[in-house]
């Protein structure tokens, strides 16, 4: 998927949506330094995917913080 000239990574994993549009997931799910992530949430009412941008990736703790585009 391409979003505003960026190539988004598609992966499968779990995460948590928290307040203010942030998502917490594992660093190994998103990989190293992706421009953006295409996320689909299950169960989904509309079946749409959403673009998330990485804010912080900490590989030593296997954590990543993303934000909705």
Protein backbone atom coordinates (compact mmCIF):
# COMPACT_ATOMS: atom_id res chain seq x y z
CA UNK A 1 0.00 0.00 0.00
CA UNK A 2 1.29 3.46 -0.84
CA UNK A 3 0.17 6.49 1.19
CA UNK A 4 1.38 9.99 0.28
CA UNK A 5 4.50 8.65 -1.45
CA UNK A 6 5.33 6.25 1.36
CA UNK A 7 5.35 2.48 1.10
CA UNK A 8 3.32 1.03 3.96
CA UNK A 9 4.19 -2.33 5.43
CA UNK A 10 1.49 -4.97 5.82
CA UNK A 11 1.96 -7.40 8.69
CA UNK A 12 -0.06 -9.50 11.08
CA UNK A 13 0.00 -9.10 14.83
CA UNK A 14 -1.75 -7.76 17.87
CA UNK A 15 -1.81 -4.41 19.58
CA UNK A 16 -3.83 -2.04 21.72
CA UNK A 17 -5.53 1.18 20.71
CA UNK A 18 -5.19 3.70 23.52
CA UNK A 19 -6.39 7.26 23.94
CA UNK A 20 -5.62 10.11 21.54
CA UNK A 21 -5.17 7.79 18.55
CA UNK A 22 -2.10 5.90 19.72
CA UNK A 23 -1.47 2.20 19.17
CA UNK A 24 0.90 0.01 21.19
CA UNK A 25 2.23 -3.14 19.53
CA UNK A 26 5.37 -5.28 19.38
CA UNK A 27 8.39 -3.96 17.49
CA UNK A 28 8.85 -7.30 15.69
CA UNK A 29 5.35 -6.93 14.21
CA UNK A 30 6.21 -3.72 12.35
CA UNK A 31 9.87 -4.43 11.58
CA UNK A 32 12.71 -1.94 11.34
CA UNK A 33 11.98 1.67 10.44
CA UNK A 34 8.85 1.36 8.30
CA UNK A 35 7.47 4.55 6.75
CA UNK A 36 3.95 3.54 7.74
CA UNK A 37 1.82 0.52 8.63
CA UNK A 38 -1.46 -0.56 7.10
CA UNK A 39 -3.67 -1.87 9.92
CA UNK A 40 -6.97 -3.72 9.87
CA UNK A 41 -8.75 -4.21 13.13
CA UNK A 42 -10.75 -7.34 13.92
CA UNK A 43 -13.60 -7.54 14.38
CA UNK A 44 -14.24 -4.80 11.85
CA UNK A 45 -17.58 -3.23 11.07
CA UNK A 46 -16.58 -1.57 7.80
CA UNK A 47 -13.65 -3.80 6.71
CA UNK A 48 -11.44 -0.78 6.04
CA UNK A 49 -7.76 -0.52 6.77
CA UNK A 50 -6.07 2.42 8.49
CA UNK A 51 -2.65 3.98 8.05
CA UNK A 52 -0.49 4.25 11.17
CA UNK A 53 2.83 6.07 11.49
CA UNK A 54 5.53 4.90 13.91
CA UNK A 55 6.42 7.35 16.68
CA UNK A 56 8.83 5.17 18.64
CA UNK A 57 10.30 1.70 18.16
CA UNK A 58 12.27 0.09 20.99
CA UNK A 59 13.63 -3.22 19.76
CA UNK A 60 15.33 -4.07 23.08
CA UNK A 61 11.91 -4.16 24.77
CA UNK A 62 10.02 -5.32 21.65
CA UNK A 63 7.63 -2.34 21.84
CA UNK A 64 6.40 0.15 19.28
CA UNK A 65 4.14 3.20 19.52
CA UNK A 66 2.16 4.18 16.42
CA UNK A 67 -0.31 6.96 15.69
CA UNK A 68 -3.25 7.12 13.29
CA UNK A 69 -2.61 9.16 10.13
